[in-house]
Amino acid sequence: MKLVPLKLVTIIALDALSERIIKDIKQCGIKGYTITHVEGEGLQGKHFTDWEGRNVRIETLVNEEVATSIMQKLADAYFDKYSVIAFVSAVEVLRREKFSG
């Protein structure tokens, strides 16, 4: 068994943006993603009603080059206009061939 290093890119955004974000990160070279509905509270407070929109967490495992490309795309297209949070974590995985890079 050999673990290989990859990057886990996590994006938290309004569900209304999810299709657009997924399209953009696919163009960066991802092979797949996981999306879940999430709740939380941050600088903008907690959403108390559905009309405010639900949040999603989009996660993908990629190499460092793709992670950098995704973060740049998010910074350019979303950070100034929308409440989008993104971060990259170092992870180790089996079956590297399942992921980009």
PDB file of N, CA and C in Angstrom:
ATOM      1  N   MET A   1       0.858  -1.184   0.000  1.00  0.00           N
ATOM      2  CA  MET A   1       0.000   0.000   0.000  1.00  0.00           C
ATOM      3  C   MET A   1       0.895   1.235   0.000  1.00  0.00           C
ATOM      4  N   LYS A   2       0.660   2.104  -0.966  1.00  0.00           N
ATOM      5  CA  LYS A   2       1.419   3.346  -1.045  1.00  0.00           C
ATOM      6  C   LYS A   2       0.472   4.525  -1.124  1.00  0.00           C
ATOM      7  N   LEU A   3       0.583   5.418  -0.152  1.00  0.00           N
ATOM      8  CA  LEU A   3      -0.192   6.653  -0.165  1.00  0.00           C
ATOM      9  C   LEU A   3       0.552   7.695  -0.992  1.00  0.00           C
ATOM     10  N   VAL A   4      -0.191   8.457  -1.769  1.00  0.00           N
ATOM     11  CA  VAL A   4       0.406   9.511  -2.576  1.00  0.00           C
ATOM     12  C   VAL A   4      -0.203  10.855  -2.189  1.00  0.00           C
ATOM     13  N   PRO A   5       0.602  11.912  -2.204  1.00  0.00           N
ATOM     14  CA  PRO A   5       0.094  13.224  -1.794  1.00  0.00           C
ATOM     15  C   PRO A   5      -0.736  13.889  -2.890  1.00  0.00           C
ATOM     16  N   LEU A   6      -1.846  14.458  -2.473  1.00  0.00           N
ATOM     17  CA  LEU A   6      -2.693  15.271  -3.348  1.00  0.00           C
ATOM     18  C   LEU A   6      -3.196  16.461  -2.542  1.00  0.00           C
ATOM     19  N   LYS A   7      -3.974  17.304  -3.170  1.00  0.00           N
ATOM     20  CA  LYS A   7      -4.593  18.458  -2.511  1.00  0.00           C
ATOM     21  C   LYS A   7      -6.105  18.277  -2.509  1.00  0.00           C
ATOM     22  N   LEU A   8      -6.706  18.541  -1.370  1.00  0.00           N
ATOM     23  CA  LEU A   8      -8.163  18.570  -1.246  1.00  0.00           C
ATOM     24  C   LEU A   8      -8.588  20.030  -1.322  1.00  0.00           C
ATOM     25  N   VAL A   9      -9.314  20.373  -2.373  1.00  0.00           N
ATOM     26  CA  VAL A   9      -9.844  21.728  -2.517  1.00  0.00           C
ATOM     27  C   VAL A   9     -11.279  21.704  -2.021  1.00  0.00           C
ATOM     28  N   THR A  10     -11.583  22.576  -1.055  1.00  0.00           N
ATOM     29  CA  THR A  10     -12.919  22.688  -0.493  1.00  0.00           C
ATOM     30  C   THR A  10     -13.450  24.085  -0.786  1.00  0.00           C
ATOM     31  N   ILE A  11     -14.650  24.128  -1.338  1.00  0.00           N
ATOM     32  CA  ILE A  11     -15.296  25.394  -1.693  1.00  0.00           C
ATOM     33  C   ILE A  11     -16.657  25.423  -1.013  1.00  0.00           C
ATOM     34  N   ILE A  12     -16.960  26.509  -0.325  1.00  0.00           N
ATOM     35  CA  ILE A  12     -18.269  26.690   0.303  1.00  0.00           C
ATOM     36  C   ILE A  12     -18.904  27.923  -0.328  1.00  0.00           C
ATOM     37  N   ALA A  13     -20.115  27.731  -0.866  1.00  0.00           N
ATOM     38  CA  ALA A  13     -20.776  28.811  -1.600  1.00  0.00           C
ATOM     39  C   ALA A  13     -22.285  28.604  -1.564  1.00  0.00           C
ATOM     40  N   LEU A  14     -23.009  29.596  -2.037  1.00  0.00           N
ATOM     41  CA  LEU A  14     -24.449  29.456  -2.184  1.00  0.00           C
ATOM     42  C   LEU A  14     -24.759  28.382  -3.222  1.00  0.00           C
ATOM     43  N   ASP A  15     -25.779  27.602  -2.957  1.00  0.00           N
ATOM     44  CA  ASP A  15     -26.208  26.563  -3.886  1.00  0.00           C
ATOM     45  C   ASP A  15     -26.481  27.138  -5.274  1.00  0.00           C
ATOM     46  N   ALA A  16     -26.970  28.352  -5.326  1.00  0.00           N
ATOM     47  CA  ALA A  16     -27.276  28.987  -6.610  1.00  0.00           C
ATOM     48  C   ALA A  16     -26.035  29.142  -7.495  1.00  0.00           C
ATOM     49  N   LEU A  17     -24.858  29.136  -6.898  1.00  0.00           N
ATOM     50  CA  LEU A  17     -23.616  29.263  -7.658  1.00  0.00           C
ATOM     51  C   LEU A  17     -23.001  27.918  -8.022  1.00  0.00           C
ATOM     52  N   SER A  18     -23.535  26.831  -7.490  1.00  0.00           N
ATOM     53  CA  SER A  18     -22.852  25.542  -7.594  1.00  0.00           C
ATOM     54  C   SER A  18     -22.641  25.079  -9.035  1.00  0.00           C
ATOM     55  N   GLU A  19     -23.634  25.195  -9.892  1.00  0.00           N
ATOM     56  CA  GLU A  19     -23.463  24.742 -11.279  1.00  0.00           C
ATOM     57  C   GLU A  19     -22.376  25.541 -11.993  1.00  0.00           C
ATOM     58  N   ARG A  20     -22.356  26.829 -11.758  1.00  0.00           N
ATOM     59  CA  ARG A  20     -21.346  27.689 -12.389  1.00  0.00           C
ATOM     60  C   ARG A  20     -19.946  27.361 -11.866  1.00  0.00           C
ATOM     61  N   ILE A  21     -19.825  27.178 -10.551  1.00  0.00           N
ATOM     62  CA  ILE A  21     -18.525  26.844  -9.964  1.00  0.00           C
ATOM     63  C   ILE A  21     -18.038  25.497 -10.477  1.00  0.00           C
ATOM     64  N   ILE A  22     -18.921  24.514 -10.526  1.00  0.00           N
ATOM     65  CA  ILE A  22     -18.528  23.192 -11.012  1.00  0.00           C
ATOM     66  C   ILE A  22     -18.063  23.268 -12.462  1.00  0.00           C
ATOM     67  N   LYS A  23     -18.763  24.021 -13.280  1.00  0.00           N
ATOM     68  CA  LYS A  23     -18.337  24.196 -14.675  1.00  0.00           C
ATOM     69  C   LYS A  23     -16.931  24.795 -14.729  1.00  0.00           C
ATOM     70  N   ASP A  24     -16.693  25.813 -13.920  1.00  0.00           N
ATOM     71  CA  ASP A  24     -15.387  26.479 -13.901  1.00  0.00           C
ATOM     72  C   ASP A  24     -14.268  25.548 -13.420  1.00  0.00           C
ATOM     73  N   ILE A  25     -14.531  24.776 -12.366  1.00  0.00           N
ATOM     74  CA  ILE A  25     -13.448  23.928 -11.858  1.00  0.00           C
ATOM     75  C   ILE A  25     -13.221  22.709 -12.763  1.00  0.00           C
ATOM     76  N   LYS A  26     -14.240  22.282 -13.497  1.00  0.00           N
ATOM     77  CA  LYS A  26     -14.026  21.226 -14.490  1.00  0.00           C
ATOM     78  C   LYS A  26     -13.077  21.718 -15.578  1.00  0.00           C
ATOM     79  N   GLN A  27     -13.179  22.980 -15.940  1.00  0.00           N
ATOM     80  CA  GLN A  27     -12.280  23.553 -16.941  1.00  0.00           C
ATOM     81  C   GLN A  27     -10.838  23.614 -16.432  1.00  0.00           C
ATOM     82  N   CYS A  28     -10.663  23.578 -15.116  1.00  0.00           N
ATOM     83  CA  CYS A  28      -9.315  23.570 -14.527  1.00  0.00           C
ATOM     84  C   CYS A  28      -8.686  22.176 -14.563  1.00  0.00           C
ATOM     85  N   GLY A  29      -9.494  21.140 -14.826  1.00  0.00           N
ATOM     86  CA  GLY A  29      -8.933  19.810 -14.989  1.00  0.00           C
ATOM     87  C   GLY A  29      -9.315  18.770 -13.959  1.00  0.00           C
ATOM     88  N   ILE A  30     -10.389  18.995 -13.189  1.00  0.00           N
ATOM     89  CA  ILE A  30     -10.775  17.981 -12.203  1.00  0.00           C
ATOM     90  C   ILE A  30     -11.407  16.785 -12.898  1.00  0.00           C
ATOM     91  N   LYS A  31     -11.311  15.618 -12.258  1.00  0.00           N
ATOM     92  CA  LYS A  31     -11.957  14.410 -12.776  1.00  0.00           C
ATOM     93  C   LYS A  31     -13.294  14.142 -12.092  1.00  0.00           C
ATOM     94  N   GLY A  32     -13.497  14.687 -10.901  1.00  0.00           N
ATOM     95  CA  GLY A  32     -14.735  14.469 -10.175  1.00  0.00           C
ATOM     96  C   GLY A  32     -14.820  15.389  -8.976  1.00  0.00           C
ATOM     97  N   TYR A  33     -15.954  15.349  -8.315  1.00  0.00           N
ATOM     98  CA  TYR A  33     -16.171  16.198  -7.145  1.00  0.00           C
ATOM     99  C   TYR A  33     -17.262  15.584  -6.288  1.00  0.00           C
ATOM    100  N   THR A  34     -17.345  16.072  -5.070  1.00  0.00           N
ATOM    101  CA  THR A  34     -18.429  15.725  -4.154  1.00  0.00           C
ATOM    102  C   THR A  34     -19.084  17.026  -3.729  1.00  0.00           C
ATOM    103  N   ILE A  35     -20.415  17.015  -3.686  1.00  0.00           N
ATOM    104  CA  ILE A  35     -21.138  18.213  -3.251  1.00  0.00           C
ATOM    105  C   ILE A  35     -22.117  17.820  -2.151  1.00  0.00           C
ATOM    106  N   THR A  36     -22.140  18.601  -1.080  1.00  0.00           N
ATOM    107  CA  THR A  36     -23.059  18.367   0.031  1.00  0.00           C
ATOM    108  C   THR A  36     -23.668  19.694   0.462  1.00  0.00           C
ATOM    109  N   HIS A  37     -24.892  19.630   0.996  1.00  0.00           N
ATOM    110  CA  HIS A  37     -25.513  20.822   1.565  1.00  0.00           C
ATOM    111  C   HIS A  37     -24.986  20.993   2.993  1.00  0.00           C
ATOM    112  N   VAL A  38     -24.674  22.221   3.342  1.00  0.00           N
ATOM    113  CA  VAL A  38     -24.071  22.496   4.651  1.00  0.00           C
ATOM    114  C   VAL A  38     -24.736  23.694   5.307  1.00  0.00           C
ATOM    115  N   GLU A  39     -24.555  23.783   6.603  1.00  0.00           N
ATOM    116  CA  GLU A  39     -25.024  24.929   7.382  1.00  0.00           C
ATOM    117  C   GLU A  39     -23.876  25.427   8.241  1.00  0.00           C
ATOM    118  N   GLY A  40     -23.922  26.684   8.601  1.00  0.00           N
ATOM    119  CA  GLY A  40     -22.897  27.233   9.466  1.00  0.00           C
ATOM    120  C   GLY A  40     -23.138  28.704   9.721  1.00  0.00           C
ATOM    121  N   GLU A  41     -22.197  29.288  10.401  1.00  0.00           N
ATOM    122  CA  GLU A  41     -22.281  30.713  10.723  1.00  0.00           C
ATOM    123  C   GLU A  41     -20.897  31.309  10.581  1.00  0.00           C
ATOM    124  N   GLY A  42     -20.844  32.496  10.003  1.00  0.00           N
ATOM    125  CA  GLY A  42     -19.573  33.180   9.803  1.00  0.00           C
ATOM    126  C   GLY A  42     -19.732  34.673   9.967  1.00  0.00           C
ATOM    127  N   LEU A  43     -18.899  35.412   9.263  1.00  0.00           N
ATOM    128  CA  LEU A  43     -18.916  36.868   9.370  1.00  0.00           C
ATOM    129  C   LEU A  43     -20.254  37.474   8.966  1.00  0.00           C
ATOM    130  N   GLN A  44     -20.945  36.840   8.047  1.00  0.00           N
ATOM    131  CA  GLN A  44     -22.235  37.357   7.596  1.00  0.00           C
ATOM    132  C   GLN A  44     -23.390  36.792   8.401  1.00  0.00           C
ATOM    133  N   GLY A  45     -23.088  36.087   9.478  1.00  0.00           N
ATOM    134  CA  GLY A  45     -24.131  35.534  10.331  1.00  0.00           C
ATOM    135  C   GLY A  45     -24.659  34.231   9.786  1.00  0.00           C
ATOM    136  N   LYS A  46     -25.718  33.757  10.392  1.00  0.00           N
ATOM    137  CA  LYS A  46     -26.329  32.493  10.010  1.00  0.00           C
ATOM    138  C   LYS A  46     -27.551  32.751   9.148  1.00  0.00           C
ATOM    139  N   HIS A  47     -27.755  31.913   8.138  1.00  0.00           N
ATOM    140  CA  HIS A  47     -28.965  32.003   7.325  1.00  0.00           C
ATOM    141  C   HIS A  47     -30.102  31.353   8.095  1.00  0.00           C
ATOM    142  N   PHE A  48     -31.166  32.075   8.265  1.00  0.00           N
ATOM    143  CA  PHE A  48     -32.278  31.567   9.054  1.00  0.00           C
ATOM    144  C   PHE A  48     -33.467  31.112   8.222  1.00  0.00           C
ATOM    145  N   THR A  49     -33.478  31.447   6.941  1.00  0.00           N
ATOM    146  CA  THR A  49     -34.606  31.042   6.103  1.00  0.00           C
ATOM    147  C   THR A  49     -34.101  30.494   4.773  1.00  0.00           C
ATOM    148  N   ASP A  50     -34.910  29.666   4.144  1.00  0.00           N
ATOM    149  CA  ASP A  50     -34.530  29.080   2.863  1.00  0.00           C
ATOM    150  C   ASP A  50     -34.456  30.107   1.744  1.00  0.00           C
ATOM    151  N   TRP A  51     -35.212  31.186   1.830  1.00  0.00           N
ATOM    152  CA  TRP A  51     -35.188  32.165   0.744  1.00  0.00           C
ATOM    153  C   TRP A  51     -33.827  32.825   0.620  1.00  0.00           C
ATOM    154  N   GLU A  52     -33.035  32.811   1.690  1.00  0.00           N
ATOM    155  CA  GLU A  52     -31.681  33.362   1.620  1.00  0.00           C
ATOM    156  C   GLU A  52     -30.748  32.454   0.825  1.00  0.00           C
ATOM    157  N   GLY A  53     -31.154  31.233   0.588  1.00  0.00           N
ATOM    158  CA  GLY A  53     -30.349  30.292  -0.175  1.00  0.00           C
ATOM    159  C   GLY A  53     -29.565  29.365   0.729  1.00  0.00           C
ATOM    160  N   ARG A  54     -29.458  28.123   0.299  1.00  0.00           N
ATOM    161  CA  ARG A  54     -28.692  27.139   1.055  1.00  0.00           C
ATOM    162  C   ARG A  54     -27.245  27.177   0.599  1.00  0.00           C
ATOM    163  N   ASN A  55     -26.367  26.721   1.468  1.00  0.00           N
ATOM    164  CA  ASN A  55     -24.952  26.633   1.134  1.00  0.00           C
ATOM    165  C   ASN A  55     -24.599  25.214   0.740  1.00  0.00           C
ATOM    166  N   VAL A  56     -23.591  25.087  -0.114  1.00  0.00           N
ATOM    167  CA  VAL A  56     -23.051  23.796  -0.489  1.00  0.00           C
ATOM    168  C   VAL A  56     -21.544  23.789  -0.228  1.00  0.00           C
ATOM    169  N   ARG A  57     -21.048  22.571  -0.030  1.00  0.00           N
ATOM    170  CA  ARG A  57     -19.594  22.366   0.054  1.00  0.00           C
ATOM    171  C   ARG A  57     -19.234  21.484  -1.144  1.00  0.00           C
ATOM    172  N   ILE A  58     -18.332  21.990  -1.959  1.00  0.00           N
ATOM    173  CA  ILE A  58     -17.848  21.262  -3.125  1.00  0.00           C
ATOM    174  C   ILE A  58     -16.409  20.870  -2.825  1.00  0.00           C
ATOM    175  N   GLU A  59     -16.110  19.570  -2.962  1.00  0.00           N
ATOM    176  CA  GLU A  59     -14.757  19.091  -2.680  1.00  0.00           C
ATOM    177  C   GLU A  59     -14.230  18.294  -3.862  1.00  0.00           C
ATOM    178  N   THR A  60     -12.944  18.449  -4.130  1.00  0.00           N
ATOM    179  CA  THR A  60     -12.291  17.690  -5.180  1.00  0.00           C
ATOM    180  C   THR A  60     -10.849  17.418  -4.791  1.00  0.00           C
ATOM    181  N   LEU A  61     -10.342  16.275  -5.206  1.00  0.00           N
ATOM    182  CA  LEU A  61      -8.951  15.889  -4.964  1.00  0.00           C
ATOM    183  C   LEU A  61      -8.171  16.054  -6.256  1.00  0.00           C
ATOM    184  N   VAL A  62      -7.091  16.836  -6.182  1.00  0.00           N
ATOM    185  CA  VAL A  62      -6.337  17.194  -7.385  1.00  0.00           C
ATOM    186  C   VAL A  62      -4.851  17.333  -7.052  1.00  0.00           C
ATOM    187  N   ASN A  63      -4.050  17.472  -8.105  1.00  0.00           N
ATOM    188  CA  ASN A  63      -2.638  17.755  -7.867  1.00  0.00           C
ATOM    189  C   ASN A  63      -2.463  19.250  -7.563  1.00  0.00           C
ATOM    190  N   GLU A  64      -1.254  19.613  -7.191  1.00  0.00           N
ATOM    191  CA  GLU A  64      -1.000  20.996  -6.768  1.00  0.00           C
ATOM    192  C   GLU A  64      -1.250  22.005  -7.882  1.00  0.00           C
ATOM    193  N   GLU A  65      -0.900  21.665  -9.101  1.00  0.00           N
ATOM    194  CA  GLU A  65      -1.099  22.573 -10.226  1.00  0.00           C
ATOM    195  C   GLU A  65      -2.580  22.867 -10.447  1.00  0.00           C
ATOM    196  N   VAL A  66      -3.404  21.857 -10.407  1.00  0.00           N
ATOM    197  CA  VAL A  66      -4.847  22.045 -10.593  1.00  0.00           C
ATOM    198  C   VAL A  66      -5.438  22.821  -9.413  1.00  0.00           C
ATOM    199  N   ALA A  67      -4.974  22.523  -8.200  1.00  0.00           N
ATOM    200  CA  ALA A  67      -5.457  23.255  -7.016  1.00  0.00           C
ATOM    201  C   ALA A  67      -5.164  24.747  -7.154  1.00  0.00           C
ATOM    202  N   THR A  68      -3.971  25.076  -7.609  1.00  0.00           N
ATOM    203  CA  THR A  68      -3.602  26.481  -7.803  1.00  0.00           C
ATOM    204  C   THR A  68      -4.484  27.122  -8.864  1.00  0.00           C
ATOM    205  N   SER A  69      -4.745  26.400  -9.946  1.00  0.00           N
ATOM    206  CA  SER A  69      -5.603  26.913 -11.015  1.00  0.00           C
ATOM    207  C   SER A  69      -7.024  27.170 -10.511  1.00  0.00           C
ATOM    208  N   ILE A  70      -7.554  26.247  -9.723  1.00  0.00           N
ATOM    209  CA  ILE A  70      -8.896  26.411  -9.157  1.00  0.00           C
ATOM    210  C   ILE A  70      -8.954  27.638  -8.251  1.00  0.00           C
ATOM    211  N   MET A  71      -7.980  27.778  -7.369  1.00  0.00           N
ATOM    212  CA  MET A  71      -7.990  28.910  -6.438  1.00  0.00           C
ATOM    213  C   MET A  71      -7.902  30.241  -7.187  1.00  0.00           C
ATOM    214  N   GLN A  72      -7.096  30.286  -8.247  1.00  0.00           N
ATOM    215  CA  GLN A  72      -6.987  31.517  -9.038  1.00  0.00           C
ATOM    216  C   GLN A  72      -8.307  31.834  -9.722  1.00  0.00           C
ATOM    217  N   LYS A  73      -8.951  30.807 -10.281  1.00  0.00           N
ATOM    218  CA  LYS A  73     -10.245  31.006 -10.944  1.00  0.00           C
ATOM    219  C   LYS A  73     -11.286  31.522  -9.963  1.00  0.00           C
ATOM    220  N   LEU A  74     -11.336  30.927  -8.769  1.00  0.00           N
ATOM    221  CA  LEU A  74     -12.294  31.379  -7.758  1.00  0.00           C
ATOM    222  C   LEU A  74     -12.017  32.812  -7.333  1.00  0.00           C
ATOM    223  N   ALA A  75     -10.747  33.133  -7.129  1.00  0.00           N
ATOM    224  CA  ALA A  75     -10.382  34.497  -6.728  1.00  0.00           C
ATOM    225  C   ALA A  75     -10.793  35.505  -7.790  1.00  0.00           C
ATOM    226  N   ASP A  76     -10.552  35.171  -9.048  1.00  0.00           N
ATOM    227  CA  ASP A  76     -10.871  36.093 -10.146  1.00  0.00           C
ATOM    228  C   ASP A  76     -12.372  36.245 -10.376  1.00  0.00           C
ATOM    229  N   ALA A  77     -13.112  35.153 -10.274  1.00  0.00           N
ATOM    230  CA  ALA A  77     -14.517  35.170 -10.689  1.00  0.00           C
ATOM    231  C   ALA A  77     -15.524  35.362  -9.561  1.00  0.00           C
ATOM    232  N   TYR A  78     -15.141  35.060  -8.312  1.00  0.00           N
ATOM    233  CA  TYR A  78     -16.165  34.993  -7.264  1.00  0.00           C
ATOM    234  C   TYR A  78     -15.881  35.833  -6.015  1.00  0.00           C
ATOM    235  N   PHE A  79     -14.659  35.911  -5.579  1.00  0.00           N
ATOM    236  CA  PHE A  79     -14.386  36.466  -4.252  1.00  0.00           C
ATOM    237  C   PHE A  79     -14.845  37.907  -4.077  1.00  0.00           C
ATOM    238  N   ASP A  80     -14.755  38.721  -5.115  1.00  0.00           N
ATOM    239  CA  ASP A  80     -15.162  40.127  -4.994  1.00  0.00           C
ATOM    240  C   ASP A  80     -16.678  40.322  -5.030  1.00  0.00           C
ATOM    241  N   LYS A  81     -17.402  39.327  -5.570  1.00  0.00           N
ATOM    242  CA  LYS A  81     -18.838  39.499  -5.791  1.00  0.00           C
ATOM    243  C   LYS A  81     -19.721  38.656  -4.885  1.00  0.00           C
ATOM    244  N   TYR A  82     -19.194  37.530  -4.416  1.00  0.00           N
ATOM    245  CA  TYR A  82     -20.025  36.565  -3.702  1.00  0.00           C
ATOM    246  C   TYR A  82     -19.364  36.116  -2.402  1.00  0.00           C
ATOM    247  N   SER A  83     -20.174  35.580  -1.534  1.00  0.00           N
ATOM    248  CA  SER A  83     -19.678  35.032  -0.279  1.00  0.00           C
ATOM    249  C   SER A  83     -19.226  33.583  -0.520  1.00  0.00           C
ATOM    250  N   VAL A  84     -18.042  33.444  -1.072  1.00  0.00           N
ATOM    251  CA  VAL A  84     -17.459  32.142  -1.380  1.00  0.00           C
ATOM    252  C   VAL A  84     -16.211  31.966  -0.533  1.00  0.00           C
ATOM    253  N   ILE A  85     -16.095  30.799   0.066  1.00  0.00           N
ATOM    254  CA  ILE A  85     -14.918  30.448   0.859  1.00  0.00           C
ATOM    255  C   ILE A  85     -14.253  29.261   0.185  1.00  0.00           C
ATOM    256  N   ALA A  86     -12.933  29.286   0.090  1.00  0.00           N
ATOM    257  CA  ALA A  86     -12.217  28.161  -0.504  1.00  0.00           C
ATOM    258  C   ALA A  86     -10.907  27.956   0.250  1.00  0.00           C
ATOM    259  N   PHE A  87     -10.546  26.696   0.410  1.00  0.00           N
ATOM    260  CA  PHE A  87      -9.256  26.385   1.030  1.00  0.00           C
ATOM    261  C   PHE A  87      -8.717  25.074   0.497  1.00  0.00           C
ATOM    262  N   VAL A  88      -7.406  24.912   0.644  1.00  0.00           N
ATOM    263  CA  VAL A  88      -6.706  23.737   0.154  1.00  0.00           C
ATOM    264  C   VAL A  88      -6.048  23.043   1.331  1.00  0.00           C
ATOM    265  N   SER A  89      -6.202  21.717   1.391  1.00  0.00           N
ATOM    266  CA  SER A  89      -5.586  20.907   2.436  1.00  0.00           C
ATOM    267  C   SER A  89      -4.704  19.844   1.789  1.00  0.00           C
ATOM    268  N   ALA A  90      -3.604  19.533   2.435  1.00  0.00           N
ATOM    269  CA  ALA A  90      -2.743  18.445   1.973  1.00  0.00           C
ATOM    270  C   ALA A  90      -3.332  17.130   2.477  1.00  0.00           C
ATOM    271  N   VAL A  91      -3.482  16.165   1.574  1.00  0.00           N
ATOM    272  CA  VAL A  91      -4.009  14.851   1.926  1.00  0.00           C
ATOM    273  C   VAL A  91      -3.159  13.780   1.258  1.00  0.00           C
ATOM    274  N   GLU A  92      -3.350  12.546   1.696  1.00  0.00           N
ATOM    275  CA  GLU A  92      -2.707  11.404   1.054  1.00  0.00           C
ATOM    276  C   GLU A  92      -3.792  10.410   0.670  1.00  0.00           C
ATOM    277  N   VAL A  93      -3.680   9.841  -0.521  1.00  0.00           N
ATOM    278  CA  VAL A  93      -4.723   8.953  -1.027  1.00  0.00           C
ATOM    279  C   VAL A  93      -4.119   7.679  -1.607  1.00  0.00           C
ATOM    280  N   LEU A  94      -4.952   6.685  -1.694  1.00  0.00           N
ATOM    281  CA  LEU A  94      -4.650   5.489  -2.471  1.00  0.00           C
ATOM    282  C   LEU A  94      -5.274   5.672  -3.849  1.00  0.00           C
ATOM    283  N   ARG A  95      -4.844   4.927  -4.818  1.00  0.00           N
ATOM    284  CA  ARG A  95      -5.444   4.943  -6.148  1.00  0.00           C
ATOM    285  C   ARG A  95      -5.372   6.323  -6.814  1.00  0.00           C
ATOM    286  N   ARG A  96      -4.190   6.861  -6.917  1.00  0.00           N
ATOM    287  CA  ARG A  96      -3.985   8.187  -7.493  1.00  0.00           C
ATOM    288  C   ARG A  96      -4.636   8.331  -8.869  1.00  0.00           C
ATOM    289  N   GLU A  97      -4.708   7.251  -9.634  1.00  0.00           N
ATOM    290  CA  GLU A  97      -5.240   7.315 -10.991  1.00  0.00           C
ATOM    291  C   GLU A  97      -6.698   7.779 -11.029  1.00  0.00           C
ATOM    292  N   LYS A  98      -7.392   7.736  -9.915  1.00  0.00           N
ATOM    293  CA  LYS A  98      -8.782   8.189  -9.848  1.00  0.00           C
ATOM    294  C   LYS A  98      -8.915   9.715  -9.860  1.00  0.00           C
ATOM    295  N   PHE A  99      -7.792  10.412  -9.646  1.00  0.00           N
ATOM    296  CA  PHE A  99      -7.828  11.859  -9.463  1.00  0.00           C
ATOM    297  C   PHE A  99      -6.994  12.550 -10.525  1.00  0.00           C
ATOM    298  N   SER A 100      -7.179  13.863 -10.674  1.00  0.00           N
ATOM    299  CA  SER A 100      -6.435  14.590 -11.699  1.00  0.00           C
ATOM    300  C   SER A 100      -4.954  14.601 -11.375  1.00  0.00           C
ATOM    301  N   GLY A 101      -4.154  14.628 -12.412  1.00  0.00           N
ATOM    302  CA  GLY A 101      -2.699  14.759 -12.228  1.00  0.00           C
ATOM    303  C   GLY A 101      -1.935  13.510 -12.430  1.00  0.00           C
TER     304      GLY A 101
END
